[in-house]
Amino acid sequence: MTAPDSQPAPLLWGDEIEDCLATLATEKSHAVNTQLINRIALESFSAWCEKGGLRDLAALQLTDVQTFLRERRRERDLAPASLKVLVVALKHFFGHLYREKRLETNLTETLDIPKLPQHLPETLSEEEVDQLLGVNFPETPLGLRDHAIIELLYSSGLRASEMVNIRLENYLPTEKFIRVIGKGNKERLVPVGTKAAEAIDHYLDQGRPRLVGPRTGGEIFLGQHGRKLTTARLWQIVKDIFQLSGLQKNVYPHALRHSFATHLLSHGADLRAIQEMLGHASLATTQIYTHVDQIRLRQIHQQFHPRAKLTS
């Protein structure tokens, strides 16, 4: 006779974790992937505490959290980015419990978030963008689509995920704006340049109607069988266009987003306006482009100033 299946033991602080995740999803509009990452981090901490006999939330100390982080970093050889994920999740959790008055103090308030090495985004020069947009696209449905895609990526700085989800009702041709649903389901209006608008209008008039099929939805950009593009397919389209342009770079859709922001900044655009167009939640994220522009200015100075290269 077989024993009945035993039920797994309930997760330590499971209710508190669920409540925290639900609050973050509602108040901070955390996307599904962000919720999953936070869940994994908090459940990992919960399991570690239970194994160590630390079952009383109110009795935990900052040193306990620091020990957990130190052991995880040593055992799993965590990269700075992975360690940052753990720290941020724990700060969310204990901050939430403190605000809900379930804990008298927020023990992670003074816990520092690890600083990540700053990787400057890869961008194209304005001459390289001109070369890219100068590709001779065929007057076929897919050629018109690809032309509209590459123009819009540079004109409006959209993410690949945003591009594939743009619907017909989101495009406002008279006003030359696109309504974008970005990260965390946040909506923003982004201007569309004249050249991009012309390419989109031409595609919608002459290209898209010939791609429509029985299972076509309301998305603007369609594949050859009439279905919405995947982000993987969009990446491949951009890669193919780069090869046609003759540019010797391994470029992806986000490089055009970076170029969009960098070129706006170099021509005097306000950083907060760029933040709004990119859909960044924090201005600190947008400030990376100031570093890119400083590097460009330094290179120009060294190249053209008569005394920039003099040595003592």
Protein backbone atom coordinates (compact mmCIF):
# COMPACT_ATOMS: atom_id res chain seq x y z
CA MET A 1 0.00 0.00 0.00
CA THR A 2 1.50 3.32 -1.05
CA ALA A 3 1.53 6.27 1.27
CA PRO A 4 -0.55 9.26 0.21
CA ASP A 5 1.32 12.04 -1.49
CA SER A 6 2.57 14.51 1.09
CA GLN A 7 1.81 18.16 0.54
CA PRO A 8 4.82 20.51 0.34
CA ALA A 9 5.37 22.60 3.44
CA PRO A 10 4.00 26.13 3.11
CA LEU A 11 6.53 28.76 2.25
CA LEU A 12 7.86 30.72 5.19
CA TRP A 13 6.30 34.22 5.05
CA GLY A 14 4.39 33.19 1.93
CA ASP A 15 1.46 35.52 2.65
CA GLU A 16 3.78 38.47 3.23
CA ILE A 17 5.65 37.79 0.01
CA GLU A 18 2.41 37.50 -2.00
CA ASP A 19 1.10 40.74 -0.50
CA CYS A 20 4.34 42.55 -1.30
CA LEU A 21 4.39 41.32 -4.92
CA ALA A 22 0.73 42.27 -5.41
CA THR A 23 1.38 45.76 -4.05
CA LEU A 24 4.40 46.24 -6.32
CA ALA A 25 2.41 45.06 -9.34
CA THR A 26 -0.35 47.56 -8.56
CA GLU A 27 1.53 50.60 -7.30
CA LYS A 28 4.73 50.33 -9.36
CA SER A 29 3.22 48.59 -12.40
CA HIS A 30 5.82 45.83 -12.24
CA ALA A 31 5.79 43.73 -15.39
CA VAL A 32 5.28 39.95 -15.21
CA ASN A 33 9.01 39.25 -15.64
CA THR A 34 9.90 41.70 -12.86
CA GLN A 35 7.36 40.07 -10.56
CA LEU A 36 8.84 36.65 -11.31
CA ILE A 37 12.40 37.85 -10.62
CA ASN A 38 11.33 39.37 -7.29
CA ARG A 39 9.42 36.23 -6.36
CA ILE A 40 12.43 33.99 -6.98
CA ALA A 41 14.66 36.31 -4.93
CA LEU A 42 12.28 36.53 -1.96
CA GLU A 43 11.51 32.82 -1.93
CA SER A 44 15.26 32.15 -1.97
CA PHE A 45 15.70 34.37 1.08
CA SER A 46 12.72 32.74 2.80
CA ALA A 47 14.14 29.24 2.26
CA TRP A 48 17.56 30.34 3.54
CA CYS A 49 16.05 31.81 6.70
CA GLU A 50 13.97 28.72 7.39
CA LYS A 51 17.00 26.49 6.95
CA GLY A 52 18.88 28.66 9.45
CA GLY A 53 16.04 28.71 11.97
CA LEU A 54 15.28 32.42 11.41
CA ARG A 55 11.50 32.16 11.38
CA ASP A 56 10.60 35.38 13.21
CA LEU A 57 10.48 38.33 10.81
CA ALA A 58 10.50 40.85 13.64
CA ALA A 59 13.70 39.35 15.07
CA LEU A 60 15.72 39.58 11.85
CA GLN A 61 18.70 41.91 11.78
CA LEU A 62 20.50 43.66 8.94
CA THR A 63 23.44 41.33 9.59
CA ASP A 64 21.20 38.36 8.71
CA VAL A 65 20.38 39.91 5.34
CA GLN A 66 24.05 40.74 4.73
CA THR A 67 25.05 37.16 5.61
CA PHE A 68 22.47 35.81 3.14
CA LEU A 69 23.81 38.07 0.37
CA ARG A 70 27.42 37.22 1.17
CA GLU A 71 26.74 33.47 1.10
CA ARG A 72 24.76 33.68 -2.15
CA ARG A 73 27.54 35.67 -3.79
CA ARG A 74 30.18 33.19 -2.66
CA GLU A 75 28.22 29.97 -3.36
CA ARG A 76 26.90 30.94 -6.77
CA ASP A 77 29.63 33.33 -7.90
CA LEU A 78 26.95 35.95 -8.55
CA ALA A 79 27.61 38.73 -11.02
CA PRO A 80 27.01 42.28 -9.74
CA ALA A 81 23.75 42.47 -11.70
CA SER A 82 22.40 39.28 -10.08
CA LEU A 83 23.40 40.50 -6.63
CA LYS A 84 21.65 43.79 -7.31
CA VAL A 85 18.44 41.91 -8.12
CA LEU A 86 18.52 40.23 -4.69
CA VAL A 87 19.21 43.50 -2.87
CA VAL A 88 16.44 45.40 -4.68
CA ALA A 89 13.91 42.62 -3.99
CA LEU A 90 14.79 42.56 -0.29
CA LYS A 91 14.57 46.35 -0.03
CA HIS A 92 11.12 46.18 -1.66
CA PHE A 93 10.04 43.46 0.78
CA PHE A 94 11.19 45.02 4.03
CA GLY A 95 10.16 48.49 2.91
CA HIS A 96 6.67 47.17 2.22
CA LEU A 97 6.43 45.45 5.61
CA TYR A 98 7.53 48.64 7.35
CA ARG A 99 5.00 50.81 5.49
CA GLU A 100 2.27 48.30 6.33
CA LYS A 101 3.34 48.56 10.00
CA ARG A 102 4.09 44.86 10.19
CA LEU A 103 7.64 45.70 11.23
CA GLU A 104 8.75 48.52 13.51
CA THR A 105 11.85 49.31 11.44
CA ASN A 106 12.96 48.91 7.84
CA LEU A 107 16.16 46.99 8.39
CA THR A 108 17.24 47.25 4.73
CA GLU A 109 16.92 51.06 4.61
CA THR A 110 20.70 51.51 4.87
CA LEU A 111 21.52 48.52 2.66
CA ASP A 112 23.45 49.79 -0.34
CA ILE A 113 22.42 48.71 -3.83
CA PRO A 114 25.51 47.39 -5.67
CA LYS A 115 26.76 49.73 -8.37
CA LEU A 116 27.08 48.10 -11.75
CA PRO A 117 29.90 48.83 -14.17
CA GLN A 118 28.64 51.37 -16.66
CA HIS A 119 28.48 50.08 -20.21
CA LEU A 120 27.95 52.87 -22.70
CA PRO A 121 25.36 51.98 -25.35
CA GLU A 122 26.49 51.35 -28.89
CA THR A 123 25.31 54.08 -31.21
CA LEU A 124 25.58 55.01 -34.86
CA SER A 125 26.95 58.28 -36.12
CA GLU A 126 24.59 60.51 -38.06
CA GLU A 127 26.49 59.59 -41.25
CA GLU A 128 25.99 55.89 -40.52
CA VAL A 129 22.27 56.47 -39.95
CA ASP A 130 22.07 58.27 -43.30
CA GLN A 131 23.76 55.27 -44.93
CA LEU A 132 21.35 52.89 -43.23
CA LEU A 133 18.24 54.85 -44.18
CA GLY A 134 19.57 55.22 -47.71
CA VAL A 135 19.08 51.51 -48.45
CA ASN A 136 17.11 50.96 -51.65
CA PHE A 137 14.00 49.18 -50.36
CA PRO A 138 11.95 47.32 -52.99
CA GLU A 139 8.39 48.45 -53.66
CA THR A 140 7.02 45.17 -52.31
CA PRO A 141 4.81 44.72 -49.23
CA LEU A 142 7.78 43.48 -47.18
CA GLY A 143 10.12 46.10 -48.61
CA LEU A 144 7.69 48.90 -47.70
CA ARG A 145 7.27 47.36 -44.25
CA ASP A 146 11.01 47.15 -43.63
CA HIS A 147 11.49 50.75 -44.74
CA ALA A 148 8.77 51.91 -42.34
CA ILE A 149 10.27 49.86 -39.50
CA ILE A 150 13.80 51.22 -39.82
CA GLU A 151 12.59 54.81 -40.21
CA LEU A 152 10.33 54.57 -37.16
CA LEU A 153 12.98 52.93 -34.96
CA TYR A 154 15.32 55.86 -35.52
CA SER A 155 12.63 58.55 -35.65
CA SER A 156 10.94 57.66 -32.36
CA GLY A 157 13.39 55.52 -30.38
CA LEU A 158 10.95 52.70 -29.68
CA ARG A 159 11.87 49.40 -28.07
CA ALA A 160 11.58 46.25 -30.18
CA SER A 161 8.74 44.99 -27.96
CA GLU A 162 6.90 48.26 -28.44
CA MET A 163 7.35 48.17 -32.22
CA VAL A 164 5.77 44.76 -32.71
CA ASN A 165 2.75 45.69 -30.58
CA ILE A 166 1.86 49.01 -32.24
CA ARG A 167 -1.71 48.83 -33.49
CA LEU A 168 -3.45 50.77 -36.22
CA GLU A 169 -5.43 52.81 -33.72
CA ASN A 170 -2.19 53.81 -31.97
CA TYR A 171 -0.88 55.69 -35.01
CA LEU A 172 -2.10 59.29 -35.36
CA PRO A 173 -1.01 60.32 -38.88
CA THR A 174 -2.47 63.83 -38.80
CA GLU A 175 -0.76 64.73 -35.53
CA LYS A 176 2.35 62.63 -36.40
CA PHE A 177 2.33 60.82 -33.06
CA ILE A 178 2.30 57.19 -31.97
CA ARG A 179 0.64 56.05 -28.76
CA VAL A 180 3.02 53.55 -27.19
CA ILE A 181 2.35 51.04 -24.41
CA GLY A 182 5.73 50.65 -22.75
CA LYS A 183 7.16 48.82 -19.76
CA GLY A 184 4.73 48.33 -16.90
CA ASN A 185 1.80 49.05 -19.24
CA LYS A 186 2.64 52.76 -19.12
CA GLU A 187 1.31 54.76 -22.04
CA ARG A 188 3.12 57.63 -23.73
CA LEU A 189 2.82 59.69 -26.89
CA VAL A 190 5.93 59.78 -29.08
CA PRO A 191 6.42 62.11 -32.08
CA VAL A 192 6.99 60.61 -35.51
CA GLY A 193 9.30 62.44 -37.92
CA THR A 194 8.16 63.45 -41.38
CA LYS A 195 10.29 60.86 -43.22
CA ALA A 196 9.11 58.09 -40.91
CA ALA A 197 5.47 59.18 -41.27
CA GLU A 198 5.81 59.12 -45.06
CA ALA A 199 7.26 55.60 -44.95
CA ILE A 200 4.52 54.37 -42.59
CA ASP A 201 1.75 55.94 -44.67
CA HIS A 202 3.15 54.41 -47.86
CA TYR A 203 3.32 50.99 -46.20
CA LEU A 204 -0.20 51.26 -44.80
CA ASP A 205 -1.54 52.31 -48.19
CA GLN A 206 0.40 50.01 -50.53
CA GLY A 207 2.00 47.28 -48.41
CA ARG A 208 0.00 46.19 -45.42
CA PRO A 209 -3.30 45.55 -47.29
CA ARG A 210 -1.46 42.93 -49.38
CA LEU A 211 -0.19 41.15 -46.25
CA VAL A 212 -3.55 40.92 -44.48
CA GLY A 213 -4.82 37.36 -44.00
CA PRO A 214 -7.65 35.53 -42.21
CA ARG A 215 -5.86 35.67 -38.86
CA THR A 216 -4.55 39.22 -39.07
CA GLY A 217 -4.97 41.37 -35.98
CA GLY A 218 -4.75 45.12 -35.54
CA GLU A 219 -0.95 45.37 -35.38
CA ILE A 220 0.64 47.68 -37.92
CA PHE A 221 3.66 45.55 -38.79
CA LEU A 222 2.83 42.13 -40.22
CA GLY A 223 4.81 39.12 -41.37
CA GLN A 224 4.42 37.57 -44.80
CA HIS A 225 1.58 35.37 -43.54
CA GLY A 226 -0.39 38.27 -42.10
CA ARG A 227 0.45 37.76 -38.44
CA LYS A 228 2.15 40.18 -36.06
CA LEU A 229 5.92 40.16 -35.98
CA THR A 230 7.82 38.63 -33.10
CA THR A 231 10.67 40.59 -31.52
CA ALA A 232 13.08 37.91 -32.81
CA ARG A 233 11.86 38.50 -36.36
CA LEU A 234 12.20 42.27 -35.91
CA TRP A 235 15.82 41.78 -34.83
CA GLN A 236 16.47 39.73 -37.98
CA ILE A 237 14.86 42.37 -40.21
CA VAL A 238 17.11 45.07 -38.72
CA LYS A 239 20.16 42.85 -39.11
CA ASP A 240 19.31 42.20 -42.76
CA ILE A 241 18.90 45.93 -43.44
CA PHE A 242 22.29 46.64 -41.88
CA GLN A 243 23.89 44.06 -44.13
CA LEU A 244 22.26 45.69 -47.17
CA SER A 245 23.57 49.09 -46.07
CA GLY A 246 27.17 47.88 -46.01
CA LEU A 247 27.70 49.01 -42.42
CA GLN A 248 30.27 46.80 -40.73
CA LYS A 249 28.56 46.63 -37.37
CA ASN A 250 26.64 44.00 -35.46
CA VAL A 251 23.64 46.21 -34.77
CA TYR A 252 20.27 45.49 -33.20
CA PRO A 253 17.03 47.51 -32.81
CA HIS A 254 18.14 49.03 -29.50
CA ALA A 255 21.17 50.61 -31.20
CA LEU A 256 18.77 52.80 -33.17
CA ARG A 257 17.01 53.73 -29.93
CA HIS A 258 20.38 54.73 -28.46
CA SER A 259 21.24 56.68 -31.61
CA PHE A 260 17.88 58.47 -31.49
CA ALA A 261 18.55 59.67 -27.94
CA THR A 262 22.21 60.55 -28.48
CA HIS A 263 21.54 62.57 -31.63
CA LEU A 264 18.68 64.46 -29.98
CA LEU A 265 20.94 65.36 -27.08
CA SER A 266 23.83 66.43 -29.31
CA HIS A 267 21.49 68.81 -31.16
CA GLY A 268 20.35 70.46 -27.92
CA ALA A 269 17.24 68.53 -26.87
CA ASP A 270 16.25 68.72 -23.21
CA LEU A 271 17.16 65.60 -21.24
CA ARG A 272 13.73 65.39 -19.62
CA ALA A 273 12.02 65.53 -23.02
CA ILE A 274 14.24 62.65 -24.16
CA GLN A 275 13.33 60.75 -20.98
CA GLU A 276 9.65 61.19 -21.74
CA MET A 277 10.01 60.06 -25.34
CA LEU A 278 12.04 56.99 -24.34
CA GLY A 279 9.61 56.08 -21.57
CA HIS A 280 12.27 55.92 -18.85
CA ALA A 281 10.87 55.87 -15.33
CA SER A 282 13.96 57.61 -13.97
CA LEU A 283 16.00 60.47 -15.37
CA ALA A 284 19.10 58.65 -14.13
CA THR A 285 18.54 56.03 -16.84
CA THR A 286 18.45 58.71 -19.54
CA GLN A 287 21.60 60.39 -18.24
CA ILE A 288 23.75 57.63 -19.75
CA TYR A 289 23.41 59.52 -23.03
CA THR A 290 25.18 62.55 -21.58
CA HIS A 291 28.26 60.34 -21.15
CA VAL A 292 27.98 59.15 -24.74
CA ASP A 293 27.74 62.75 -25.95
CA GLN A 294 30.72 63.80 -23.82
CA ILE A 295 32.83 61.08 -25.42
CA ARG A 296 31.75 62.27 -28.88
CA LEU A 297 32.65 65.87 -28.04
CA ARG A 298 36.03 64.82 -26.67
CA GLN A 299 36.78 62.89 -29.85
CA ILE A 300 35.83 65.89 -31.99
CA HIS A 301 38.01 68.16 -29.87
CA GLN A 302 41.01 65.84 -30.14
CA GLN A 303 40.53 65.45 -33.86
CA PHE A 304 40.10 69.07 -34.83
CA HIS A 305 41.61 71.34 -32.17
CA PRO A 306 45.11 72.44 -33.30
CA ARG A 307 46.65 71.99 -29.85
CA ALA A 308 44.64 68.99 -28.60
CA LYS A 309 47.29 66.44 -29.58
CA LEU A 310 50.38 68.38 -28.50
CA THR A 311 52.57 66.60 -25.98
CA SER A 312 54.82 68.26 -23.42
